[in-house]
């Protein structure tokens, strides 16, 4: 492996980590996904075609690993780490709690999306990939990217703007768990 490929792989890591977090909704699982994607990319570097985008290839590897895990979890059932849910105190507790509740609502809404839609939201809305780049990474036509994003946005909007969601979040913040 050349030094150029190593440097390019390291440069992709922050973006790959954000993508992995968006897919998993969990920092630890996202980091594990990045590590597994890097291991697989390094062990199969001979499959990468020079002249193609290394970042797209690594995104695709991460997405495939994540989809494999989702399928496996359907058989085994999902594991939940209760300790991972504890929040960090901030300078203004109310702002921290409201931010955490909003983040939890968004993560929960993202969890309701089908895997294909969640991947598109992560690529386009979080990572800033163009529709064309997202289509190349996912191996689908641009129209499919647009369709998945439209459906995902409608679902997220409906879930996040349900009547009473904001009031329930404020009540939870006042009363605590």
N, C-alpha and C. Protein backbone atom coordinates (compact mmCIF):
# COMPACT_ATOMS: atom_id res chain seq x y z
N UNK A 1 0.85 -1.17 0.00
CA UNK A 1 0.00 0.00 0.00
C UNK A 1 0.90 1.24 0.00
N UNK A 2 0.53 2.21 -0.80
CA UNK A 2 1.35 3.40 -0.91
C UNK A 2 1.01 4.39 0.20
N UNK A 3 1.96 5.30 0.43
CA UNK A 3 1.72 6.34 1.44
C UNK A 3 0.57 7.24 1.03
N UNK A 4 0.38 7.45 -0.27
CA UNK A 4 -0.71 8.28 -0.76
C UNK A 4 -2.05 7.71 -0.34
N UNK A 5 -2.23 6.42 -0.46
CA UNK A 5 -3.50 5.79 -0.08
C UNK A 5 -3.70 5.90 1.43
N UNK A 6 -2.65 5.70 2.19
CA UNK A 6 -2.75 5.83 3.65
C UNK A 6 -3.20 7.23 4.05
N UNK A 7 -2.58 8.24 3.44
CA UNK A 7 -2.92 9.63 3.75
C UNK A 7 -4.37 9.91 3.37
N UNK A 8 -4.80 9.41 2.23
CA UNK A 8 -6.18 9.63 1.80
C UNK A 8 -7.18 8.92 2.71
N UNK A 9 -6.83 7.73 3.19
CA UNK A 9 -7.73 7.01 4.09
C UNK A 9 -7.87 7.76 5.42
N UNK A 10 -6.77 8.26 5.93
CA UNK A 10 -6.81 9.01 7.19
C UNK A 10 -7.64 10.27 7.02
N UNK A 11 -7.54 10.93 5.86
CA UNK A 11 -8.29 12.15 5.61
C UNK A 11 -9.80 11.89 5.58
N UNK A 12 -10.21 10.70 5.22
CA UNK A 12 -11.64 10.36 5.12
C UNK A 12 -12.23 10.04 6.51
N UNK A 13 -11.41 9.71 7.47
CA UNK A 13 -11.90 9.22 8.76
C UNK A 13 -12.91 10.13 9.46
N UNK A 14 -12.69 11.45 9.56
CA UNK A 14 -13.71 12.27 10.25
C UNK A 14 -15.07 12.21 9.58
N UNK A 15 -15.10 12.25 8.26
CA UNK A 15 -16.37 12.18 7.53
C UNK A 15 -16.98 10.79 7.66
N UNK A 16 -16.15 9.77 7.61
CA UNK A 16 -16.64 8.40 7.75
C UNK A 16 -17.22 8.19 9.15
N UNK A 17 -16.61 8.82 10.15
CA UNK A 17 -17.09 8.69 11.52
C UNK A 17 -18.47 9.36 11.67
N UNK A 18 -18.65 10.55 11.08
CA UNK A 18 -19.96 11.21 11.13
C UNK A 18 -21.01 10.36 10.43
N UNK A 19 -20.64 9.80 9.30
CA UNK A 19 -21.55 8.93 8.55
C UNK A 19 -21.94 7.72 9.38
N UNK A 20 -20.98 7.11 10.03
CA UNK A 20 -21.23 5.93 10.85
C UNK A 20 -22.13 6.27 12.04
N UNK A 21 -21.89 7.44 12.65
CA UNK A 21 -22.74 7.85 13.77
C UNK A 21 -24.18 8.07 13.29
N UNK A 22 -24.32 8.67 12.12
CA UNK A 22 -25.66 8.92 11.58
C UNK A 22 -26.39 7.60 11.32
N UNK A 23 -25.66 6.60 10.88
CA UNK A 23 -26.29 5.30 10.61
C UNK A 23 -26.66 4.59 11.90
N UNK A 24 -25.74 4.59 12.88
CA UNK A 24 -25.95 3.80 14.09
C UNK A 24 -26.71 4.56 15.17
N UNK A 25 -26.56 5.88 15.20
CA UNK A 25 -27.19 6.68 16.25
C UNK A 25 -26.49 6.54 17.58
N UNK A 26 -25.28 6.02 17.58
CA UNK A 26 -24.55 5.77 18.82
C UNK A 26 -23.06 5.96 18.55
N UNK A 27 -22.40 6.72 19.41
CA UNK A 27 -20.99 7.02 19.20
C UNK A 27 -20.13 5.75 19.24
N UNK A 28 -20.35 4.91 20.22
CA UNK A 28 -19.53 3.70 20.34
C UNK A 28 -19.75 2.76 19.16
N UNK A 29 -21.01 2.55 18.80
CA UNK A 29 -21.29 1.68 17.65
C UNK A 29 -20.77 2.30 16.36
N UNK A 30 -20.85 3.62 16.26
CA UNK A 30 -20.32 4.30 15.09
C UNK A 30 -18.82 4.13 14.99
N UNK A 31 -18.12 4.27 16.12
CA UNK A 31 -16.67 4.07 16.12
C UNK A 31 -16.31 2.63 15.75
N UNK A 32 -17.09 1.68 16.27
CA UNK A 32 -16.86 0.27 15.91
C UNK A 32 -17.06 0.06 14.41
N UNK A 33 -18.09 0.70 13.87
CA UNK A 33 -18.35 0.58 12.44
C UNK A 33 -17.20 1.16 11.62
N UNK A 34 -16.69 2.30 12.03
CA UNK A 34 -15.55 2.90 11.33
C UNK A 34 -14.34 1.97 11.39
N UNK A 35 -14.08 1.44 12.56
CA UNK A 35 -12.94 0.53 12.71
C UNK A 35 -13.09 -0.69 11.81
N UNK A 36 -14.28 -1.28 11.81
CA UNK A 36 -14.52 -2.45 10.97
C UNK A 36 -14.40 -2.11 9.48
N UNK A 37 -14.90 -0.93 9.11
CA UNK A 37 -14.81 -0.51 7.71
C UNK A 37 -13.35 -0.31 7.31
N UNK A 38 -12.57 0.28 8.19
CA UNK A 38 -11.15 0.49 7.89
C UNK A 38 -10.40 -0.84 7.79
N UNK A 39 -10.70 -1.74 8.71
CA UNK A 39 -10.06 -3.06 8.65
C UNK A 39 -10.40 -3.77 7.34
N UNK A 40 -11.67 -3.72 6.97
CA UNK A 40 -12.07 -4.39 5.73
C UNK A 40 -11.43 -3.70 4.52
N UNK A 41 -11.38 -2.37 4.53
CA UNK A 41 -10.77 -1.64 3.41
C UNK A 41 -9.28 -1.98 3.31
N UNK A 42 -8.59 -2.02 4.44
CA UNK A 42 -7.16 -2.33 4.41
C UNK A 42 -6.91 -3.77 3.97
N UNK A 43 -7.76 -4.68 4.41
CA UNK A 43 -7.55 -6.08 4.04
C UNK A 43 -7.92 -6.36 2.59
N UNK A 44 -8.69 -5.45 2.00
CA UNK A 44 -9.14 -5.66 0.61
C UNK A 44 -8.75 -4.49 -0.28
N UNK A 45 -7.67 -3.83 0.06
CA UNK A 45 -7.25 -2.66 -0.70
C UNK A 45 -6.99 -2.99 -2.16
N UNK A 46 -6.66 -4.23 -2.43
CA UNK A 46 -6.43 -4.64 -3.82
C UNK A 46 -7.72 -4.60 -4.65
N UNK A 47 -8.89 -4.56 -3.99
CA UNK A 47 -10.16 -4.48 -4.71
C UNK A 47 -10.51 -3.04 -5.10
N UNK A 48 -9.89 -2.06 -4.44
CA UNK A 48 -10.14 -0.66 -4.78
C UNK A 48 -9.47 -0.36 -6.11
N UNK A 49 -10.17 0.32 -6.96
CA UNK A 49 -9.65 0.62 -8.29
C UNK A 49 -9.06 2.02 -8.29
N UNK A 50 -7.76 2.15 -8.49
CA UNK A 50 -7.16 3.48 -8.58
C UNK A 50 -7.87 4.30 -9.65
N UNK A 51 -8.04 5.58 -9.36
CA UNK A 51 -8.77 6.45 -10.27
C UNK A 51 -10.21 6.64 -9.85
N UNK A 52 -10.69 5.79 -8.93
CA UNK A 52 -12.05 5.96 -8.40
C UNK A 52 -11.93 6.62 -7.03
N UNK A 53 -13.06 7.06 -6.51
CA UNK A 53 -13.04 7.79 -5.24
C UNK A 53 -12.88 6.83 -4.06
N UNK A 54 -11.82 7.02 -3.31
CA UNK A 54 -11.56 6.19 -2.14
C UNK A 54 -12.63 6.42 -1.07
N UNK A 55 -13.06 7.68 -0.88
CA UNK A 55 -14.07 7.96 0.14
C UNK A 55 -15.39 7.26 -0.17
N UNK A 56 -15.81 7.26 -1.42
CA UNK A 56 -17.04 6.57 -1.79
C UNK A 56 -16.93 5.07 -1.53
N UNK A 57 -15.79 4.53 -1.83
CA UNK A 57 -15.55 3.10 -1.61
C UNK A 57 -15.65 2.78 -0.12
N UNK A 58 -15.07 3.62 0.72
CA UNK A 58 -15.10 3.37 2.17
C UNK A 58 -16.50 3.58 2.74
N UNK A 59 -17.23 4.60 2.23
CA UNK A 59 -18.62 4.78 2.66
C UNK A 59 -19.43 3.53 2.33
N UNK A 60 -19.22 3.00 1.16
CA UNK A 60 -19.96 1.82 0.72
C UNK A 60 -19.64 0.62 1.62
N UNK A 61 -18.37 0.46 1.96
CA UNK A 61 -17.98 -0.63 2.87
C UNK A 61 -18.69 -0.47 4.21
N UNK A 62 -18.66 0.76 4.77
CA UNK A 62 -19.31 1.00 6.07
C UNK A 62 -20.81 0.72 5.97
N UNK A 63 -21.43 1.19 4.91
CA UNK A 63 -22.86 0.97 4.74
C UNK A 63 -23.18 -0.52 4.64
N UNK A 64 -22.38 -1.26 3.91
CA UNK A 64 -22.63 -2.71 3.78
C UNK A 64 -22.46 -3.43 5.11
N UNK A 65 -21.45 -3.06 5.88
CA UNK A 65 -21.25 -3.67 7.20
C UNK A 65 -22.46 -3.36 8.09
N UNK A 66 -22.91 -2.11 8.06
CA UNK A 66 -24.05 -1.69 8.88
C UNK A 66 -25.31 -2.46 8.48
N UNK A 67 -25.55 -2.58 7.18
CA UNK A 67 -26.73 -3.33 6.73
C UNK A 67 -26.65 -4.80 7.14
N UNK A 68 -25.44 -5.38 7.08
CA UNK A 68 -25.26 -6.76 7.54
C UNK A 68 -25.59 -6.88 9.03
N UNK A 69 -25.18 -5.90 9.81
CA UNK A 69 -25.47 -5.92 11.25
C UNK A 69 -26.96 -5.78 11.52
N UNK A 70 -27.63 -4.92 10.75
CA UNK A 70 -29.08 -4.77 10.92
C UNK A 70 -29.79 -6.09 10.66
N UNK A 71 -29.38 -6.77 9.60
CA UNK A 71 -29.99 -8.06 9.29
C UNK A 71 -29.72 -9.07 10.41
N UNK A 72 -28.50 -9.07 10.92
CA UNK A 72 -28.16 -10.00 12.01
C UNK A 72 -28.95 -9.67 13.27
N UNK A 73 -29.14 -8.37 13.55
CA UNK A 73 -29.89 -7.97 14.75
C UNK A 73 -31.36 -8.39 14.67
N UNK A 74 -31.90 -8.46 13.46
CA UNK A 74 -33.28 -8.91 13.33
C UNK A 74 -33.41 -10.36 13.80
N UNK A 75 -32.37 -11.14 13.57
CA UNK A 75 -32.38 -12.54 13.99
C UNK A 75 -32.12 -12.65 15.49
N UNK A 76 -31.09 -11.93 15.97
CA UNK A 76 -30.68 -12.01 17.38
C UNK A 76 -31.46 -11.10 18.29
N UNK A 77 -31.95 -9.99 17.78
CA UNK A 77 -32.55 -8.95 18.60
C UNK A 77 -31.49 -7.92 18.93
N UNK A 78 -31.91 -6.66 19.07
CA UNK A 78 -30.96 -5.58 19.31
C UNK A 78 -30.51 -5.54 20.76
N UNK A 79 -29.24 -5.16 20.96
CA UNK A 79 -28.70 -4.96 22.29
C UNK A 79 -28.79 -3.48 22.64
N UNK A 80 -29.16 -3.18 23.87
CA UNK A 80 -29.27 -1.80 24.30
C UNK A 80 -28.31 -1.58 25.45
N UNK A 81 -27.46 -0.56 25.32
CA UNK A 81 -26.51 -0.21 26.37
C UNK A 81 -27.10 0.94 27.18
N UNK A 82 -27.58 0.63 28.38
CA UNK A 82 -28.24 1.62 29.22
C UNK A 82 -27.27 2.72 29.64
N UNK A 83 -26.01 2.37 29.91
CA UNK A 83 -25.03 3.36 30.35
C UNK A 83 -24.76 4.42 29.29
N UNK A 84 -24.94 4.09 28.05
CA UNK A 84 -24.68 5.04 26.97
C UNK A 84 -25.70 6.17 26.93
N UNK A 85 -26.79 6.05 27.65
CA UNK A 85 -27.86 7.05 27.62
C UNK A 85 -27.66 8.18 28.62
N UNK A 86 -26.67 8.07 29.47
CA UNK A 86 -26.48 9.13 30.45
C UNK A 86 -25.91 10.37 29.80
N UNK A 87 -26.45 11.55 30.16
CA UNK A 87 -26.02 12.82 29.56
C UNK A 87 -24.88 13.45 30.33
N UNK A 88 -24.24 14.38 29.69
CA UNK A 88 -23.15 15.12 30.30
C UNK A 88 -23.69 16.45 30.81
N UNK A 89 -23.32 16.85 32.02
CA UNK A 89 -23.80 18.15 32.52
C UNK A 89 -23.18 19.29 31.73
N UNK A 90 -23.95 20.35 31.57
CA UNK A 90 -23.47 21.52 30.83
C UNK A 90 -23.63 22.76 31.66
N UNK A 91 -23.23 23.88 31.13
CA UNK A 91 -23.30 25.13 31.88
C UNK A 91 -24.74 25.52 32.22
N UNK A 92 -25.69 25.29 31.31
CA UNK A 92 -27.10 25.58 31.56
C UNK A 92 -27.87 24.29 31.40
N UNK A 93 -28.29 23.73 32.50
CA UNK A 93 -28.96 22.43 32.49
C UNK A 93 -30.19 22.39 31.59
N UNK A 94 -30.95 23.47 31.54
CA UNK A 94 -32.16 23.49 30.72
C UNK A 94 -31.81 23.37 29.23
N UNK A 95 -30.80 24.12 28.81
CA UNK A 95 -30.38 24.07 27.40
C UNK A 95 -29.84 22.69 27.06
N UNK A 96 -29.07 22.12 27.98
CA UNK A 96 -28.52 20.79 27.74
C UNK A 96 -29.63 19.77 27.61
N UNK A 97 -30.60 19.81 28.51
CA UNK A 97 -31.70 18.85 28.49
C UNK A 97 -32.54 19.02 27.22
N UNK A 98 -32.85 20.28 26.87
CA UNK A 98 -33.63 20.50 25.66
C UNK A 98 -32.88 20.02 24.42
N UNK A 99 -31.59 20.26 24.37
CA UNK A 99 -30.78 19.80 23.24
C UNK A 99 -30.75 18.28 23.19
N UNK A 100 -30.59 17.66 24.35
CA UNK A 100 -30.56 16.19 24.41
C UNK A 100 -31.90 15.60 23.99
N UNK A 101 -33.00 16.22 24.42
CA UNK A 101 -34.32 15.73 24.03
C UNK A 101 -34.54 15.88 22.53
N UNK A 102 -34.08 16.98 21.98
CA UNK A 102 -34.20 17.18 20.53
C UNK A 102 -33.37 16.14 19.79
N UNK A 103 -32.13 15.94 20.25
CA UNK A 103 -31.28 14.94 19.61
C UNK A 103 -31.89 13.55 19.72
N UNK A 104 -32.42 13.20 20.88
CA UNK A 104 -33.06 11.90 21.05
C UNK A 104 -34.26 11.75 20.12
N UNK A 105 -35.02 12.83 19.97
CA UNK A 105 -36.18 12.79 19.07
C UNK A 105 -35.74 12.57 17.63
N UNK A 106 -34.66 13.23 17.23
CA UNK A 106 -34.16 13.08 15.87
C UNK A 106 -33.61 11.66 15.66
N UNK A 107 -32.85 11.17 16.63
CA UNK A 107 -32.30 9.81 16.53
C UNK A 107 -33.44 8.79 16.48
N UNK A 108 -34.46 8.99 17.31
CA UNK A 108 -35.60 8.07 17.30
C UNK A 108 -36.35 8.14 15.97
N UNK A 109 -36.48 9.34 15.44
CA UNK A 109 -37.14 9.48 14.14
C UNK A 109 -36.31 8.83 13.04
N UNK A 110 -34.98 8.99 13.12
CA UNK A 110 -34.10 8.35 12.13
C UNK A 110 -34.21 6.83 12.24
N UNK A 111 -34.36 6.31 13.46
CA UNK A 111 -34.49 4.87 13.66
C UNK A 111 -35.75 4.31 13.01
N UNK A 112 -36.76 5.14 12.82
CA UNK A 112 -38.00 4.70 12.19
C UNK A 112 -37.86 4.56 10.67
N UNK A 113 -36.83 5.20 10.13
CA UNK A 113 -36.66 5.16 8.68
C UNK A 113 -36.12 3.80 8.24
N UNK A 114 -36.53 3.35 7.07
CA UNK A 114 -35.90 2.16 6.51
C UNK A 114 -34.41 2.42 6.29
N UNK A 115 -33.63 1.37 6.30
CA UNK A 115 -32.17 1.48 6.21
C UNK A 115 -31.74 2.28 4.99
N UNK A 116 -32.37 2.08 3.85
CA UNK A 116 -31.98 2.77 2.62
C UNK A 116 -32.22 4.27 2.74
N UNK A 117 -33.34 4.66 3.36
CA UNK A 117 -33.64 6.08 3.52
C UNK A 117 -32.69 6.72 4.54
N UNK A 118 -32.40 6.01 5.61
CA UNK A 118 -31.49 6.54 6.63
C UNK A 118 -30.11 6.78 6.03
N UNK A 119 -29.65 5.87 5.20
CA UNK A 119 -28.35 6.03 4.57
C UNK A 119 -28.33 7.28 3.67
N UNK A 120 -29.42 7.51 2.95
CA UNK A 120 -29.48 8.69 2.06
C UNK A 120 -29.49 9.98 2.88
N UNK A 121 -30.23 10.01 3.98
CA UNK A 121 -30.25 11.19 4.84
C UNK A 121 -28.84 11.45 5.39
N UNK A 122 -28.18 10.39 5.79
CA UNK A 122 -26.82 10.53 6.34
C UNK A 122 -25.87 11.07 5.27
N UNK A 123 -25.94 10.52 4.08
CA UNK A 123 -25.02 10.94 3.02
C UNK A 123 -25.29 12.37 2.56
N UNK A 124 -26.54 12.69 2.27
CA UNK A 124 -26.85 13.98 1.67
C UNK A 124 -27.01 15.08 2.72
N UNK A 125 -27.81 14.83 3.74
CA UNK A 125 -28.13 15.89 4.70
C UNK A 125 -27.06 16.09 5.77
N UNK A 126 -26.38 15.04 6.16
CA UNK A 126 -25.38 15.16 7.21
C UNK A 126 -23.99 15.33 6.61
N UNK A 127 -23.65 14.49 5.65
CA UNK A 127 -22.31 14.53 5.05
C UNK A 127 -22.18 15.56 3.94
N UNK A 128 -23.30 16.02 3.39
CA UNK A 128 -23.25 17.02 2.35
C UNK A 128 -22.91 16.48 0.97
N UNK A 129 -23.08 15.18 0.78
CA UNK A 129 -22.82 14.60 -0.54
C UNK A 129 -23.89 15.08 -1.51
N UNK A 130 -23.51 15.26 -2.75
CA UNK A 130 -24.49 15.61 -3.78
C UNK A 130 -25.34 14.38 -4.06
N UNK A 131 -26.46 14.59 -4.74
CA UNK A 131 -27.31 13.46 -5.10
C UNK A 131 -26.52 12.49 -5.97
N UNK A 132 -25.71 13.02 -6.87
CA UNK A 132 -24.93 12.17 -7.76
C UNK A 132 -23.93 11.34 -6.95
N UNK A 133 -23.23 11.98 -5.99
CA UNK A 133 -22.27 11.25 -5.15
C UNK A 133 -22.98 10.18 -4.33
N UNK A 134 -24.13 10.54 -3.75
CA UNK A 134 -24.88 9.57 -2.95
C UNK A 134 -25.32 8.39 -3.82
N UNK A 135 -25.72 8.67 -5.06
CA UNK A 135 -26.12 7.61 -5.97
C UNK A 135 -24.96 6.68 -6.27
N UNK A 136 -23.77 7.25 -6.48
CA UNK A 136 -22.59 6.44 -6.76
C UNK A 136 -22.22 5.58 -5.55
N UNK A 137 -22.28 6.17 -4.38
CA UNK A 137 -21.92 5.44 -3.16
C UNK A 137 -22.89 4.29 -2.91
N UNK A 138 -24.18 4.57 -3.06
CA UNK A 138 -25.19 3.55 -2.79
C UNK A 138 -25.41 2.60 -3.96
N UNK A 139 -24.88 2.97 -5.12
CA UNK A 139 -25.04 2.11 -6.28
C UNK A 139 -26.46 2.10 -6.83
N UNK A 140 -27.13 3.26 -6.75
CA UNK A 140 -28.50 3.39 -7.25
C UNK A 140 -28.58 4.61 -8.16
N UNK A 141 -29.64 4.73 -8.97
CA UNK A 141 -29.81 5.91 -9.80
C UNK A 141 -30.08 7.16 -8.97
N UNK A 142 -29.80 8.33 -9.54
CA UNK A 142 -30.02 9.60 -8.84
C UNK A 142 -31.50 9.76 -8.48
N UNK A 143 -32.39 9.32 -9.36
CA UNK A 143 -33.82 9.40 -9.07
C UNK A 143 -34.21 8.62 -7.83
N UNK A 144 -33.55 7.50 -7.60
CA UNK A 144 -33.81 6.71 -6.39
C UNK A 144 -33.36 7.46 -5.15
N UNK A 145 -32.22 8.14 -5.25
CA UNK A 145 -31.74 8.96 -4.13
C UNK A 145 -32.78 10.03 -3.82
N UNK A 146 -33.26 10.72 -4.85
CA UNK A 146 -34.24 11.79 -4.66
C UNK A 146 -35.52 11.24 -4.03
N UNK A 147 -35.97 10.10 -4.50
CA UNK A 147 -37.19 9.49 -3.98
C UNK A 147 -37.03 9.09 -2.52
N UNK A 148 -35.92 8.44 -2.21
CA UNK A 148 -35.68 8.01 -0.82
C UNK A 148 -35.58 9.21 0.11
N UNK A 149 -34.90 10.27 -0.34
CA UNK A 149 -34.79 11.47 0.49
C UNK A 149 -36.15 12.12 0.71
N UNK A 150 -36.95 12.21 -0.34
CA UNK A 150 -38.27 12.82 -0.20
C UNK A 150 -39.12 12.05 0.80
N UNK A 151 -39.12 10.73 0.69
CA UNK A 151 -39.89 9.91 1.64
C UNK A 151 -39.33 10.04 3.05
N UNK A 152 -38.02 10.05 3.18
CA UNK A 152 -37.39 10.18 4.51
C UNK A 152 -37.73 11.52 5.14
N UNK A 153 -37.65 12.58 4.35
CA UNK A 153 -37.96 13.92 4.87
C UNK A 153 -39.41 14.02 5.31
N UNK A 154 -40.33 13.45 4.53
CA UNK A 154 -41.74 13.45 4.92
C UNK A 154 -41.94 12.71 6.23
N UNK A 155 -41.30 11.56 6.35
CA UNK A 155 -41.44 10.77 7.58
C UNK A 155 -40.86 11.51 8.77
N UNK A 156 -39.65 12.05 8.61
CA UNK A 156 -39.02 12.79 9.71
C UNK A 156 -39.85 13.99 10.12
N UNK A 157 -40.37 14.72 9.14
CA UNK A 157 -41.20 15.88 9.44
C UNK A 157 -42.45 15.46 10.20
N UNK A 158 -43.10 14.39 9.76
CA UNK A 158 -44.31 13.93 10.43
C UNK A 158 -44.02 13.48 11.86
N UNK A 159 -42.92 12.76 12.04
CA UNK A 159 -42.58 12.24 13.37
C UNK A 159 -42.17 13.38 14.30
N UNK A 160 -41.33 14.29 13.81
CA UNK A 160 -40.80 15.35 14.66
C UNK A 160 -41.80 16.47 14.92
N UNK A 161 -42.83 16.59 14.10
CA UNK A 161 -43.81 17.66 14.28
C UNK A 161 -45.16 17.14 14.72
N UNK A 162 -45.18 15.99 15.38
CA UNK A 162 -46.43 15.46 15.91
C UNK A 162 -46.94 16.41 16.99
N UNK A 163 -48.25 16.63 17.02
CA UNK A 163 -48.80 17.49 18.08
C UNK A 163 -48.48 16.89 19.45
N UNK A 164 -48.04 17.72 20.34
CA UNK A 164 -47.74 17.28 21.70
C UNK A 164 -46.32 16.84 21.92
N UNK A 165 -45.53 16.63 20.85
CA UNK A 165 -44.15 16.19 21.03
C UNK A 165 -43.34 17.24 21.76
N UNK A 166 -43.50 18.51 21.38
CA UNK A 166 -42.73 19.57 22.03
C UNK A 166 -43.15 19.71 23.49
N UNK A 167 -44.46 19.64 23.75
CA UNK A 167 -44.94 19.75 25.12
C UNK A 167 -44.45 18.58 25.96
N UNK A 168 -44.48 17.37 25.41
CA UNK A 168 -44.00 16.20 26.15
C UNK A 168 -42.52 16.33 26.45
N UNK A 169 -41.75 16.88 25.51
CA UNK A 169 -40.32 17.07 25.73
C UNK A 169 -40.08 18.07 26.86
N UNK A 170 -40.88 19.16 26.90
CA UNK A 170 -40.71 20.16 27.97
C UNK A 170 -41.07 19.56 29.32
N UNK A 171 -42.14 18.77 29.37
CA UNK A 171 -42.53 18.14 30.63
C UNK A 171 -41.47 17.17 31.10
N UNK A 172 -40.89 16.39 30.18
CA UNK A 172 -39.83 15.47 30.55
C UNK A 172 -38.63 16.22 31.10
N UNK A 173 -38.33 17.37 30.53
CA UNK A 173 -37.19 18.16 30.98
C UNK A 173 -37.42 18.69 32.38
N UNK A 174 -38.67 19.05 32.71
CA UNK A 174 -38.96 19.60 34.03
C UNK A 174 -39.00 18.52 35.11
N UNK A 175 -39.54 17.36 34.75
CA UNK A 175 -39.72 16.32 35.77
C UNK A 175 -38.56 15.37 35.84
N UNK A 176 -37.79 15.25 34.77
CA UNK A 176 -36.66 14.33 34.76
C UNK A 176 -37.12 12.92 34.52
N UNK A 177 -36.18 11.96 34.43
CA UNK A 177 -36.52 10.56 34.12
C UNK A 177 -37.20 9.88 35.28
